[in-house]
Amino acid sequence: MSIWESQWTDERLAALFDGRELELGVQDDKLRGDHDLNPGFLDLERRRIAAAVIVPLVARPNGYFVLLTKRTDHLYDHAGQVSFPGGRVDPGDKDHNDAALRELEEEVGLPRKHVTLIGRLDTYLTRTGFDITPVVGLIKPPFPVNPDRFEVAEVFEVPLNFFLKPSNRQRHSKEFEGHKRYYYAYPYENYFIWGATAGMLTNLCEVLNSGPIESLKRVPSY
């Protein structure tokens, strides 16, 4: 374990989110999204669909890991992509935090009692019309994992260090509606983490802002 890694604690992580309160409205003026690398790509004034995801940081004996899901191939939205647990804010949800925790329980089968919310990232706007609130939560093992097999093909973890190493962040492009569009990506082993998920991970790294990490731990998979 590196010296830098040995200094990570739940308290230190929580302190880095001081001022990034969980209540809505605090970060509403900080809009991230698919337009970051593509100015003019989105109509920022259009009505959008409220959504929330949870960014789960799992405390393992050998460091912190980011828990992610791979969506099943038959879904209508973002089929086969790597994503955070999350989805639309339902009328029955108390707020975005409640929506994120509900989605974690429904998609991953991980009860909210294992999660301590510490703050939120910037609101992320997607080309597909979603206004996403990313809520960051600390998770201590052991915890059950029972994925919804209709929505989730796989639940896996990636070392937080991997995302914090700048050389692991890439910028890719593809043709869309006759124009070249750019997006962030983090290729990891046989996973290709890109799009909104990669954009939110980049925002997470900016908040943590702890410099490059050379070590890379093996990923737990479920």
Protein backbone atom coordinates (compact mmCIF):
# COMPACT_ATOMS: atom_id res chain seq x y z
CA MET A 1 0.00 0.00 0.00
CA SER A 2 1.38 3.44 -0.95
CA ILE A 3 1.88 6.19 1.61
CA TRP A 4 -0.85 8.19 -0.11
CA GLU A 5 -3.31 5.31 0.11
CA SER A 6 -2.61 4.73 3.79
CA GLN A 7 -3.86 8.25 4.51
CA TRP A 8 -7.35 7.60 3.12
CA THR A 9 -10.06 7.35 5.74
CA ASP A 10 -13.82 7.83 5.68
CA GLU A 11 -13.28 11.05 7.61
CA ARG A 12 -10.83 12.42 5.07
CA LEU A 13 -13.11 11.58 2.18
CA ALA A 14 -16.06 13.19 3.92
CA ALA A 15 -14.01 16.31 4.63
CA LEU A 16 -13.25 16.70 0.92
CA PHE A 17 -17.00 17.01 0.32
CA ASP A 18 -17.44 19.69 2.96
CA GLY A 19 -19.45 22.45 1.31
CA ARG A 20 -20.93 20.10 -1.28
CA GLU A 21 -24.13 19.56 0.70
CA LEU A 22 -26.66 16.89 -0.07
CA GLU A 23 -29.55 19.32 -0.25
CA LEU A 24 -30.60 20.35 -3.74
CA GLY A 25 -29.90 23.88 -4.83
CA VAL A 26 -26.36 24.22 -3.52
CA GLN A 27 -24.66 23.02 -6.70
CA ASP A 28 -27.40 23.95 -9.17
CA ASP A 29 -25.16 26.60 -10.73
CA LYS A 30 -22.50 23.99 -11.50
CA LEU A 31 -23.73 22.10 -14.54
CA ARG A 32 -21.55 19.38 -15.99
CA GLY A 33 -22.52 17.24 -18.91
CA ASP A 34 -22.05 15.98 -22.43
CA HIS A 35 -21.58 19.62 -23.47
CA ASP A 36 -18.31 19.94 -21.51
CA LEU A 37 -16.26 18.57 -24.42
CA ASN A 38 -18.81 19.66 -27.02
CA PRO A 39 -19.82 23.32 -26.58
CA GLY A 40 -23.24 24.00 -28.03
CA PHE A 41 -24.08 20.29 -28.16
CA LEU A 42 -26.96 20.57 -25.66
CA ASP A 43 -29.90 22.90 -25.24
CA LEU A 44 -29.29 23.82 -21.61
CA GLU A 45 -32.65 25.59 -21.35
CA ARG A 46 -34.85 22.62 -22.29
CA ARG A 47 -36.97 20.79 -19.75
CA ARG A 48 -35.14 17.71 -18.53
CA ILE A 49 -35.92 14.46 -16.69
CA ALA A 50 -34.85 14.47 -13.03
CA ALA A 51 -32.60 11.53 -12.17
CA ALA A 52 -30.15 10.51 -9.47
CA VAL A 53 -27.27 8.05 -9.20
CA ILE A 54 -25.17 6.92 -6.29
CA VAL A 55 -21.37 6.98 -6.52
CA PRO A 56 -20.51 4.15 -4.09
CA LEU A 57 -17.03 4.16 -2.52
CA VAL A 58 -16.30 0.80 -0.89
CA ALA A 59 -13.70 0.59 1.89
CA ARG A 60 -11.66 -2.57 1.33
CA PRO A 61 -8.58 -3.66 3.37
CA ASN A 62 -6.40 -2.81 0.35
CA GLY A 63 -7.92 0.59 -0.43
CA TYR A 64 -11.12 2.23 -1.68
CA PHE A 65 -13.01 0.92 -4.67
CA VAL A 66 -15.76 2.37 -6.85
CA LEU A 67 -18.75 0.05 -7.25
CA LEU A 68 -20.23 0.02 -10.75
CA THR A 69 -22.78 -1.95 -12.73
CA LYS A 70 -22.87 -3.18 -16.30
CA ARG A 71 -26.35 -2.85 -17.78
CA THR A 72 -27.94 -5.74 -19.64
CA ASP A 73 -27.90 -5.69 -23.43
CA HIS A 74 -31.67 -5.66 -23.94
CA LEU A 75 -32.46 -2.41 -22.11
CA TYR A 76 -33.89 0.50 -24.08
CA ASP A 77 -31.63 3.16 -22.53
CA HIS A 78 -27.82 2.75 -22.47
CA ALA A 79 -27.90 -1.01 -23.04
CA GLY A 80 -24.66 -2.81 -22.18
CA GLN A 81 -23.00 0.28 -20.75
CA VAL A 82 -21.19 0.66 -17.45
CA SER A 83 -23.03 2.94 -15.07
CA PHE A 84 -23.61 3.93 -11.48
CA PRO A 85 -26.74 2.53 -9.82
CA GLY A 86 -29.47 5.07 -10.46
CA GLY A 87 -32.42 6.21 -12.49
CA ARG A 88 -35.35 8.59 -12.63
CA VAL A 89 -36.60 10.34 -9.52
CA ASP A 90 -40.02 8.81 -8.85
CA PRO A 91 -42.99 10.67 -7.33
CA GLY A 92 -42.68 8.52 -4.20
CA ASP A 93 -39.05 9.50 -3.56
CA LYS A 94 -38.47 12.06 -0.80
CA ASP A 95 -35.60 13.66 -2.71
CA HIS A 96 -32.67 12.83 -4.99
CA ASN A 97 -30.81 11.14 -2.12
CA ASP A 98 -33.76 8.84 -1.50
CA ALA A 99 -34.00 8.07 -5.22
CA ALA A 100 -30.30 7.14 -5.43
CA LEU A 101 -30.53 4.84 -2.40
CA ARG A 102 -33.71 3.23 -3.72
CA GLU A 103 -32.06 2.52 -7.06
CA LEU A 104 -29.05 0.99 -5.27
CA GLU A 105 -31.38 -1.36 -3.42
CA GLU A 106 -33.42 -2.23 -6.52
CA GLU A 107 -30.57 -2.66 -9.00
CA VAL A 108 -27.79 -4.08 -6.84
CA GLY A 109 -29.69 -5.49 -3.86
CA LEU A 110 -27.49 -3.49 -1.48
CA PRO A 111 -29.56 -2.16 1.46
CA ARG A 112 -29.27 1.55 2.24
CA LYS A 113 -28.39 0.83 5.86
CA HIS A 114 -24.87 0.01 4.66
CA VAL A 115 -24.44 3.48 3.07
CA THR A 116 -23.29 6.77 4.59
CA LEU A 117 -23.94 9.69 2.24
CA ILE A 118 -21.21 12.36 2.38
CA GLY A 119 -22.08 14.83 -0.39
CA ARG A 120 -22.83 15.26 -4.06
CA LEU A 121 -21.03 15.99 -7.29
CA ASP A 122 -22.07 18.61 -9.82
CA THR A 123 -25.36 18.15 -11.66
CA TYR A 124 -24.74 16.26 -14.90
CA LEU A 125 -26.81 16.88 -18.04
CA THR A 126 -26.99 14.21 -20.72
CA ARG A 127 -27.78 14.37 -24.41
CA THR A 128 -30.60 11.91 -23.82
CA GLY A 129 -32.44 14.42 -21.63
CA PHE A 130 -31.54 13.46 -18.07
CA ASP A 131 -30.64 15.92 -15.31
CA ILE A 132 -28.59 13.69 -13.00
CA THR A 133 -27.73 14.36 -9.36
CA PRO A 134 -24.71 12.19 -8.39
CA VAL A 135 -24.76 11.39 -4.65
CA VAL A 136 -21.56 10.05 -3.08
CA GLY A 137 -21.82 7.31 -0.45
CA LEU A 138 -19.31 5.40 1.69
CA ILE A 139 -19.94 1.67 2.03
CA LYS A 140 -18.31 -0.65 4.55
CA PRO A 141 -18.21 -4.41 3.88
CA PRO A 142 -19.61 -6.89 4.41
CA PHE A 143 -22.80 -6.17 2.46
CA PRO A 144 -25.11 -8.31 0.35
CA VAL A 145 -25.24 -8.03 -3.43
CA ASN A 146 -28.25 -9.43 -5.28
CA PRO A 147 -28.48 -7.74 -8.71
CA ASP A 148 -31.72 -7.32 -10.61
CA ARG A 149 -30.88 -9.63 -13.51
CA PHE A 150 -33.29 -7.86 -15.85
CA GLU A 151 -31.37 -4.56 -15.56
CA VAL A 152 -27.92 -5.53 -14.31
CA ALA A 153 -25.63 -8.00 -16.07
CA GLU A 154 -22.77 -7.54 -13.62
CA VAL A 155 -21.73 -5.70 -10.45
CA PHE A 156 -18.01 -5.03 -10.13
CA GLU A 157 -15.50 -2.74 -8.43
CA VAL A 158 -12.61 -0.67 -9.75
CA PRO A 159 -9.84 0.72 -7.53
CA LEU A 160 -10.36 4.40 -6.83
CA ASN A 161 -6.64 4.81 -7.53
CA PHE A 162 -7.22 3.81 -11.14
CA PHE A 163 -9.47 6.80 -11.80
CA LEU A 164 -7.18 9.19 -9.91
CA LYS A 165 -4.25 8.39 -12.20
CA PRO A 166 -4.52 11.02 -15.00
CA SER A 167 -3.00 8.76 -17.66
CA ASN A 168 -5.96 6.38 -17.31
CA ARG A 169 -8.42 9.05 -18.45
CA GLN A 170 -8.84 9.19 -22.22
CA ARG A 171 -10.74 11.40 -24.63
CA HIS A 172 -12.49 9.59 -27.46
CA SER A 173 -14.70 10.73 -30.32
CA LYS A 174 -17.33 9.38 -32.68
CA GLU A 175 -19.59 10.70 -35.39
CA PHE A 176 -23.07 11.72 -34.27
CA GLU A 177 -25.63 13.49 -36.45
CA GLY A 178 -22.91 14.48 -38.89
CA HIS A 179 -20.55 15.96 -36.30
CA LYS A 180 -17.60 14.62 -34.34
CA ARG A 181 -18.52 14.41 -30.65
CA TYR A 182 -16.00 13.94 -27.83
CA TYR A 183 -16.36 12.08 -24.54
CA TYR A 184 -14.25 10.86 -21.61
CA ALA A 185 -13.43 7.17 -21.21
CA TYR A 186 -11.67 4.94 -18.70
CA PRO A 187 -10.84 1.56 -20.26
CA TYR A 188 -10.28 -0.91 -17.42
CA GLU A 189 -9.51 -4.59 -18.05
CA ASN A 190 -12.46 -5.83 -20.15
CA TYR A 191 -14.69 -2.85 -19.21
CA PHE A 192 -15.09 0.35 -21.21
CA ILE A 193 -16.33 3.09 -18.89
CA TRP A 194 -17.40 6.12 -20.90
CA GLY A 195 -19.96 8.85 -21.44
CA ALA A 196 -21.87 10.27 -18.47
CA THR A 197 -20.36 7.76 -16.04
CA ALA A 198 -16.84 8.73 -17.09
CA GLY A 199 -17.78 12.42 -16.88
CA MET A 200 -19.01 12.02 -13.31
CA LEU A 201 -15.90 10.02 -12.39
CA THR A 202 -13.78 12.88 -13.74
CA ASN A 203 -15.74 15.28 -11.52
CA LEU A 204 -15.11 12.93 -8.55
CA CYS A 205 -11.38 12.99 -9.24
CA GLU A 206 -11.42 16.79 -9.34
CA VAL A 207 -13.09 16.89 -5.93
CA LEU A 208 -10.63 14.45 -4.42
CA ASN A 209 -7.78 16.25 -6.20
CA SER A 210 -5.08 14.13 -4.67
CA GLY A 211 -2.72 13.63 -7.59
CA PRO A 212 -1.67 10.58 -9.59
CA ILE A 213 -1.53 7.16 -8.00
CA GLU A 214 0.74 4.46 -9.38
CA SER A 215 -0.60 1.40 -7.56
CA LEU A 216 -3.42 -0.67 -9.03
CA LYS A 217 -5.27 -3.32 -7.02
CA ARG A 218 -7.15 -6.32 -8.31
CA VAL A 219 -10.90 -5.79 -8.61
CA PRO A 220 -13.49 -7.76 -6.64
CA SER A 221 -16.35 -9.01 -8.84
CA TYR A 222 -19.72 -10.48 -7.94
